[in-house]
């Protein structure tokens, strides 16, 4: 045993050894992950990438890093859904490239952890997640100025961010306009080398009632495109109070080209697919307490007096409206193996709400 006489000063090397011993043996810090290189803040996009790096404290062999970038209202795994893991080097550092976003996250995970491609909120430590670190993007990102339009007597906000429906879809304000006759045009267009989509949000919730959408012929809609007319409450969990009418074959011409959906979509009884014929159609749903009736008729009569094409009634799991608002989207279905053959345009002649 090493003894020091009273009043003696311990050598510097001994003090260092005692401190190191205390740090390693007296207390053990929780594992952590840190950023050392933070990418720029940006609205994001499929072609915008930047370097990112960091280090791990207290990690164990075979653990890995999973990176996420936040764009729009979702976190997206990085750098690609086919490459969701980043290796930790022997000196406990890690580095990668990442698609730009407003915020970034690094997860220290166990070897058997399997991340989601996209999520609305990050996981907490546990179930294979050892540690989580988040950071705002470096620099300053200024969102584009809000743009609105009037359609069918209502004010709508034009979506100019990324949506996480049918895969990543970047919405461009140039893809939405109203013509002199009052018809709404939604465009799926290739701009500057990548596909851009169209989105609108009604400026206020409407509550229970009948929602009608008159749409020009969509029978020849490109199989890589999907039109959605639905309600959405960003503050709600799980189902987001979504009632959905969608037009499209979701990447395969063998599928029926229309569907009614009551979220959650994973419940088979909540999805009703049907074949929408050619010509102008009016799609609608009547939303009442514990009851939702979807119908499609030929023509543009807001009283639904045309020949009925499809009907589906839901009486279980129907949400309350709360602050849900109407959304209109024309999106690129990223699951499609073949991209759109060219720009895709859909025309809505009117939207009608009846209390």
Protein backbone atom coordinates (compact mmCIF):
# COMPACT_ATOMS: atom_id res chain seq x y z
CA UNK A 1 0.00 0.00 0.00
CA UNK A 2 1.30 3.46 -0.92
CA UNK A 3 1.36 5.86 2.06
CA UNK A 4 2.01 9.61 2.13
CA UNK A 5 3.28 11.32 5.25
CA UNK A 6 1.19 14.15 6.68
CA UNK A 7 1.79 17.41 4.85
CA UNK A 8 3.32 15.74 1.80
CA UNK A 9 2.10 16.62 -1.70
CA UNK A 10 1.07 13.74 -3.97
CA UNK A 11 2.94 13.49 -7.27
CA UNK A 12 1.10 14.65 -10.36
CA UNK A 13 1.09 11.14 -11.85
CA UNK A 14 -0.57 9.75 -8.74
CA UNK A 15 -3.30 12.37 -8.79
CA UNK A 16 -4.01 11.53 -12.44
CA UNK A 17 -4.20 7.83 -11.64
CA UNK A 18 -6.59 8.42 -8.74
CA UNK A 19 -8.85 10.61 -10.90
CA UNK A 20 -8.89 8.04 -13.71
CA UNK A 21 -9.65 5.27 -11.23
CA UNK A 22 -12.54 7.24 -9.81
CA UNK A 23 -13.99 8.01 -13.21
CA UNK A 24 -13.85 4.41 -14.35
CA UNK A 25 -14.63 2.60 -11.15
CA UNK A 26 -16.41 4.92 -8.73
CA UNK A 27 -19.12 6.02 -11.21
CA UNK A 28 -20.01 4.97 -14.71
CA UNK A 29 -21.53 7.55 -17.08
CA UNK A 30 -24.46 6.52 -19.26
CA UNK A 31 -23.62 5.90 -22.94
CA UNK A 32 -24.11 8.96 -25.11
CA UNK A 33 -23.90 10.05 -28.75
CA UNK A 34 -22.80 13.53 -29.82
CA UNK A 35 -22.60 15.65 -32.98
CA UNK A 36 -19.26 17.21 -33.94
CA UNK A 37 -20.23 18.28 -37.48
CA UNK A 38 -23.76 19.64 -37.94
CA UNK A 39 -25.21 20.04 -41.47
CA UNK A 40 -26.87 23.24 -42.57
CA UNK A 41 -30.53 23.85 -41.82
CA UNK A 42 -32.64 23.51 -44.96
CA UNK A 43 -36.15 22.66 -46.06
CA UNK A 44 -34.69 19.48 -47.53
CA UNK A 45 -35.08 17.63 -50.79
CA UNK A 46 -33.90 14.42 -52.49
CA UNK A 47 -30.82 16.11 -54.00
CA UNK A 48 -29.60 18.12 -51.00
CA UNK A 49 -26.93 16.30 -48.97
CA UNK A 50 -24.25 17.42 -46.53
CA UNK A 51 -21.56 15.96 -44.24
CA UNK A 52 -22.38 14.96 -40.67
CA UNK A 53 -20.13 13.53 -37.94
CA UNK A 54 -19.99 12.80 -34.25
CA UNK A 55 -18.67 10.55 -31.53
CA UNK A 56 -19.91 8.01 -29.02
CA UNK A 57 -19.14 8.00 -25.30
CA UNK A 58 -19.40 4.73 -23.38
CA UNK A 59 -20.41 2.60 -26.35
CA UNK A 60 -19.96 -1.14 -26.68
CA UNK A 61 -18.64 -3.27 -29.56
CA UNK A 62 -20.99 -3.85 -32.51
CA UNK A 63 -23.29 -0.97 -31.65
CA UNK A 64 -24.17 1.34 -34.56
CA UNK A 65 -25.52 4.78 -35.36
CA UNK A 66 -28.87 5.45 -37.04
CA UNK A 67 -29.28 8.97 -38.44
CA UNK A 68 -32.50 10.89 -39.10
CA UNK A 69 -33.24 14.24 -40.73
CA UNK A 70 -36.46 16.12 -40.05
CA UNK A 71 -38.17 17.55 -43.12
CA UNK A 72 -41.80 18.56 -43.25
CA UNK A 73 -43.60 16.86 -40.35
CA UNK A 74 -41.55 13.68 -40.29
CA UNK A 75 -38.15 12.22 -39.42
CA UNK A 76 -36.50 10.37 -42.33
CA UNK A 77 -33.85 7.67 -41.90
CA UNK A 78 -30.47 8.58 -43.42
CA UNK A 79 -28.66 8.60 -45.71
CA UNK A 80 -31.00 6.19 -47.56
CA UNK A 81 -33.71 3.75 -46.58
CA UNK A 82 -31.50 0.99 -48.04
CA UNK A 83 -28.52 2.20 -45.94
CA UNK A 84 -29.91 3.04 -42.49
CA UNK A 85 -26.77 2.30 -40.43
CA UNK A 86 -23.57 4.28 -39.83
CA UNK A 87 -20.48 2.49 -38.51
CA UNK A 88 -18.73 3.56 -35.32
CA UNK A 89 -14.93 3.64 -35.80
CA UNK A 90 -12.41 2.24 -33.30
CA UNK A 91 -11.75 5.72 -31.92
CA UNK A 92 -15.52 6.05 -31.16
CA UNK A 93 -16.14 8.55 -33.96
CA UNK A 94 -18.64 8.25 -36.81
CA UNK A 95 -19.30 10.16 -40.02
CA UNK A 96 -21.66 10.03 -42.98
CA UNK A 97 -23.61 12.13 -45.45
CA UNK A 98 -27.20 13.12 -44.78
CA UNK A 99 -30.11 14.67 -46.63
CA UNK A 100 -30.61 18.19 -45.36
CA UNK A 101 -33.43 19.10 -43.01
CA UNK A 102 -34.36 21.51 -40.26
CA UNK A 103 -33.25 19.16 -37.47
CA UNK A 104 -31.03 16.09 -37.17
CA UNK A 105 -30.95 13.08 -34.85
CA UNK A 106 -28.37 10.38 -34.10
CA UNK A 107 -29.40 7.17 -32.35
CA UNK A 108 -26.90 4.82 -30.72
CA UNK A 109 -28.47 1.38 -31.22
CA UNK A 110 -27.84 -2.28 -30.55
CA UNK A 111 -26.79 -4.56 -33.44
CA UNK A 112 -30.27 -6.09 -33.83
CA UNK A 113 -32.17 -2.77 -33.91
CA UNK A 114 -34.23 -2.21 -37.06
CA UNK A 115 -35.21 1.43 -37.64
CA UNK A 116 -38.35 2.75 -39.28
CA UNK A 117 -37.95 4.48 -42.63
CA UNK A 118 -39.95 7.45 -41.39
CA UNK A 119 -41.60 8.46 -38.11
CA UNK A 120 -43.44 11.40 -36.64
CA UNK A 121 -41.49 11.37 -33.35
CA UNK A 122 -38.17 9.89 -32.29
CA UNK A 123 -37.99 6.82 -30.04
CA UNK A 124 -36.87 7.06 -26.43
CA UNK A 125 -33.99 4.90 -25.10
CA UNK A 126 -35.05 1.28 -24.73
CA UNK A 127 -36.05 -1.57 -27.06
CA UNK A 128 -32.65 -1.51 -28.78
CA UNK A 129 -32.11 2.25 -28.63
CA UNK A 130 -29.22 3.07 -26.27
CA UNK A 131 -28.98 6.86 -26.60
CA UNK A 132 -30.52 9.68 -28.64
CA UNK A 133 -29.07 13.07 -29.60
CA UNK A 134 -30.78 15.83 -31.57
CA UNK A 135 -29.61 19.16 -32.92
CA UNK A 136 -30.96 22.02 -34.98
CA UNK A 137 -29.35 22.49 -38.38
CA UNK A 138 -26.51 24.97 -38.48
CA UNK A 139 -27.02 28.47 -39.84
CA UNK A 140 -30.47 29.90 -40.37
CA UNK A 141 -33.25 28.55 -42.54
CA UNK A 142 -36.06 30.88 -43.51
CA UNK A 143 -39.26 29.09 -44.56
CA UNK A 144 -40.84 30.24 -47.81
CA UNK A 145 -43.56 32.87 -47.42
CA UNK A 146 -47.03 31.47 -46.97
CA UNK A 147 -49.05 31.29 -50.17
CA UNK A 148 -52.82 30.92 -50.33
CA UNK A 149 -55.56 30.70 -52.94
CA UNK A 150 -59.34 30.77 -53.05
CA UNK A 151 -61.20 27.73 -54.38
CA UNK A 152 -64.95 27.11 -54.15
CA UNK A 153 -65.33 30.03 -51.76
CA UNK A 154 -62.77 28.79 -49.24
CA UNK A 155 -59.23 29.93 -48.45
CA UNK A 156 -56.54 27.27 -48.81
CA UNK A 157 -52.86 27.26 -47.85
CA UNK A 158 -50.51 25.90 -50.52
CA UNK A 159 -48.14 23.25 -49.15
CA UNK A 160 -44.47 24.08 -49.82
CA UNK A 161 -42.78 21.44 -47.64
CA UNK A 162 -42.12 17.73 -47.85
CA UNK A 163 -44.97 15.30 -47.21
CA UNK A 164 -44.37 11.75 -46.07
CA UNK A 165 -47.32 10.17 -47.89
CA UNK A 166 -46.51 7.53 -50.52
CA UNK A 167 -42.82 8.15 -49.77
CA UNK A 168 -41.06 11.53 -49.72
CA UNK A 169 -42.93 14.11 -51.76
CA UNK A 170 -41.67 17.68 -52.09
CA UNK A 171 -44.57 20.05 -52.76
CA UNK A 172 -44.06 23.05 -55.04
CA UNK A 173 -46.35 26.07 -55.00
CA UNK A 174 -46.08 26.30 -58.80
CA UNK A 175 -48.02 23.02 -59.04
CA UNK A 176 -51.28 24.51 -57.72
CA UNK A 177 -53.52 27.16 -59.35
CA UNK A 178 -57.12 28.14 -60.01
CA UNK A 179 -58.16 29.01 -63.57
CA UNK A 180 -60.53 31.77 -64.70
CA UNK A 181 -63.50 29.39 -64.49
CA UNK A 182 -62.73 28.64 -60.83
CA UNK A 183 -61.39 25.12 -61.40
CA UNK A 184 -58.52 23.91 -59.22
CA UNK A 185 -55.51 22.41 -61.00
CA UNK A 186 -53.07 20.07 -59.22
CA UNK A 187 -49.86 19.13 -61.01
CA UNK A 188 -47.24 16.43 -60.49
CA UNK A 189 -44.24 17.79 -62.38
CA UNK A 190 -40.54 17.12 -62.87
CA UNK A 191 -38.62 20.29 -62.00
CA UNK A 192 -34.85 20.80 -61.86
CA UNK A 193 -34.25 17.08 -62.14
CA UNK A 194 -36.67 15.71 -59.55
CA UNK A 195 -40.41 15.19 -59.18
CA UNK A 196 -42.48 17.76 -57.31
CA UNK A 197 -46.00 17.33 -55.99
CA UNK A 198 -49.04 19.46 -55.12
CA UNK A 199 -50.80 20.01 -51.80
CA UNK A 200 -53.47 22.23 -50.25
CA UNK A 201 -54.79 22.67 -46.69
CA UNK A 202 -58.17 24.23 -45.93
CA UNK A 203 -57.71 27.22 -43.63
CA UNK A 204 -60.22 26.05 -40.98
CA UNK A 205 -61.91 22.92 -39.63
CA UNK A 206 -65.52 22.32 -40.65
CA UNK A 207 -66.65 19.55 -38.29
CA UNK A 208 -69.41 17.04 -38.86
CA UNK A 209 -71.24 17.29 -42.18
CA UNK A 210 -71.05 16.28 -45.83
CA UNK A 211 -67.86 16.87 -47.83
CA UNK A 212 -68.13 16.71 -51.65
CA UNK A 213 -65.37 16.82 -54.28
CA UNK A 214 -66.20 17.03 -57.99
CA UNK A 215 -63.30 15.78 -60.10
CA UNK A 216 -62.82 15.61 -63.86
CA UNK A 217 -62.00 12.30 -65.50
CA UNK A 218 -59.21 10.45 -63.64
CA UNK A 219 -59.69 7.04 -65.24
CA UNK A 220 -56.38 7.37 -67.09
CA UNK A 221 -54.38 8.70 -64.14
CA UNK A 222 -50.74 7.61 -64.32
CA UNK A 223 -50.17 4.55 -62.10
CA UNK A 224 -47.33 6.36 -60.30
CA UNK A 225 -49.64 9.22 -59.24
CA UNK A 226 -52.28 9.37 -56.50
CA UNK A 227 -54.94 11.98 -55.77
CA UNK A 228 -56.10 12.18 -52.13
CA UNK A 229 -59.03 14.15 -50.67
CA UNK A 230 -59.06 13.70 -46.92
CA UNK A 231 -59.29 15.13 -43.42
CA UNK A 232 -56.26 15.44 -41.15
CA UNK A 233 -55.59 16.62 -37.60
CA UNK A 234 -51.87 17.14 -37.02
CA UNK A 235 -52.33 17.15 -33.25
CA UNK A 236 -54.08 13.78 -33.06
CA UNK A 237 -52.26 10.51 -32.41
CA UNK A 238 -52.33 7.38 -34.55
CA UNK A 239 -55.25 7.96 -36.93
CA UNK A 240 -55.09 11.81 -37.21
CA UNK A 241 -58.90 11.77 -37.60
CA UNK A 242 -58.42 10.82 -41.23
CA UNK A 243 -61.27 10.05 -43.60
CA UNK A 244 -59.79 9.57 -47.06
CA UNK A 245 -60.93 9.31 -50.66
CA UNK A 246 -58.01 8.35 -52.92
CA UNK A 247 -57.75 7.90 -56.68
CA UNK A 248 -54.90 5.82 -58.11
CA UNK A 249 -53.63 2.31 -58.68
CA UNK A 250 -50.62 2.69 -56.36
CA UNK A 251 -48.02 1.63 -58.87
CA UNK A 252 -49.85 -1.32 -60.42
CA UNK A 253 -52.44 -1.17 -63.21
CA UNK A 254 -53.90 -4.42 -61.85
CA UNK A 255 -55.28 -2.61 -58.78
CA UNK A 256 -58.68 -0.97 -58.64
CA UNK A 257 -58.29 2.75 -59.17
CA UNK A 258 -60.13 4.23 -56.18
CA UNK A 259 -60.62 3.64 -52.48
CA UNK A 260 -62.30 4.89 -49.31
CA UNK A 261 -60.21 4.70 -46.15
CA UNK A 262 -61.02 5.15 -42.49
CA UNK A 263 -57.77 5.17 -40.55
CA UNK A 264 -56.20 3.03 -39.28
CA UNK A 265 -55.51 1.63 -42.73
CA UNK A 266 -53.93 -1.55 -41.34
CA UNK A 267 -57.43 -2.74 -40.35
CA UNK A 268 -58.78 -4.56 -43.40
CA UNK A 269 -62.37 -3.47 -42.79
CA UNK A 270 -61.28 0.17 -42.93
CA UNK A 271 -60.33 0.05 -46.61
CA UNK A 272 -62.86 -0.24 -49.45
CA UNK A 273 -61.48 -0.33 -53.00
CA UNK A 274 -63.58 0.10 -56.11
CA UNK A 275 -63.30 0.88 -59.83
CA UNK A 276 -64.04 4.51 -60.67
CA UNK A 277 -65.33 4.86 -64.25
CA UNK A 278 -64.35 7.53 -66.76
CA UNK A 279 -65.98 10.93 -66.80
CA UNK A 280 -66.71 13.56 -64.18
CA UNK A 281 -67.37 12.12 -60.72
CA UNK A 282 -68.43 13.52 -57.37
CA UNK A 283 -66.87 11.79 -54.38
CA UNK A 284 -68.27 12.48 -50.92
CA UNK A 285 -68.45 11.42 -47.31
CA UNK A 286 -71.09 12.22 -44.71
CA UNK A 287 -69.37 12.49 -41.29
CA UNK A 288 -71.58 12.02 -38.23
CA UNK A 289 -70.99 10.79 -34.67
CA UNK A 290 -69.84 7.14 -34.88
CA UNK A 291 -70.83 7.02 -38.53
CA UNK A 292 -69.24 7.82 -41.91
CA UNK A 293 -70.92 7.17 -45.25
CA UNK A 294 -68.77 7.37 -48.41
CA UNK A 295 -70.34 7.61 -51.88
CA UNK A 296 -69.31 8.27 -55.47
CA UNK A 297 -71.78 9.30 -58.18
CA UNK A 298 -71.51 10.28 -61.83
CA UNK A 299 -71.64 13.99 -62.66
CA UNK A 300 -71.11 17.14 -60.64
CA UNK A 301 -74.41 17.54 -58.77
CA UNK A 302 -73.68 18.54 -55.16
CA UNK A 303 -76.95 16.90 -54.06
CA UNK A 304 -75.49 13.48 -55.09
CA UNK A 305 -78.38 13.00 -57.50
CA UNK A 306 -76.26 11.23 -60.11
CA UNK A 307 -75.95 7.53 -60.80
CA UNK A 308 -74.21 5.88 -57.85
CA UNK A 309 -70.86 4.24 -58.57
CA UNK A 310 -69.77 3.14 -55.09
CA UNK A 311 -70.94 3.27 -51.47
CA UNK A 312 -69.37 2.25 -48.17
CA UNK A 313 -70.61 2.81 -44.62
CA UNK A 314 -68.32 2.77 -41.57
CA UNK A 315 -69.82 2.50 -38.08
CA UNK A 316 -66.84 1.40 -35.98
CA UNK A 317 -63.78 3.46 -35.10
CA UNK A 318 -65.09 6.67 -36.67
CA UNK A 319 -63.19 9.58 -35.08
CA UNK A 320 -64.59 12.90 -33.94
CA UNK A 321 -63.64 15.88 -36.16
CA UNK A 322 -62.02 18.08 -33.46
CA UNK A 323 -59.63 20.36 -35.44
CA UNK A 324 -59.29 18.15 -38.53
CA UNK A 325 -59.10 20.10 -41.80
CA UNK A 326 -59.50 19.09 -45.44
CA UNK A 327 -56.32 18.30 -47.39
CA UNK A 328 -55.92 17.86 -51.16
CA UNK A 329 -52.80 16.17 -52.54
CA UNK A 330 -51.51 14.96 -55.90
CA UNK A 331 -48.43 12.87 -55.12
CA UNK A 332 -45.83 10.61 -56.68
CA UNK A 333 -46.30 7.06 -55.38
CA UNK A 334 -42.67 6.22 -54.64
CA UNK A 335 -43.45 2.51 -54.32
CA UNK A 336 -44.09 2.46 -58.05
CA UNK A 337 -41.33 0.72 -59.99
CA UNK A 338 -41.93 2.99 -62.98
CA UNK A 339 -41.87 6.80 -62.64
CA UNK A 340 -44.63 8.91 -64.19
CA UNK A 341 -44.55 8.87 -67.99
CA UNK A 342 -44.79 12.67 -67.92
CA UNK A 343 -46.32 15.50 -65.96
CA UNK A 344 -49.68 14.57 -64.41
CA UNK A 345 -52.54 17.04 -63.98
CA UNK A 346 -55.82 16.65 -62.12
CA UNK A 347 -58.70 19.16 -62.14
CA UNK A 348 -61.19 19.59 -59.30
CA UNK A 349 -64.23 21.60 -60.37
CA UNK A 350 -65.57 22.30 -56.92
CA UNK A 351 -65.55 21.49 -53.22
CA UNK A 352 -68.81 21.70 -51.29
CA UNK A 353 -69.45 21.40 -47.55
CA UNK A 354 -72.96 20.86 -46.21
CA UNK A 355 -73.50 20.95 -42.41
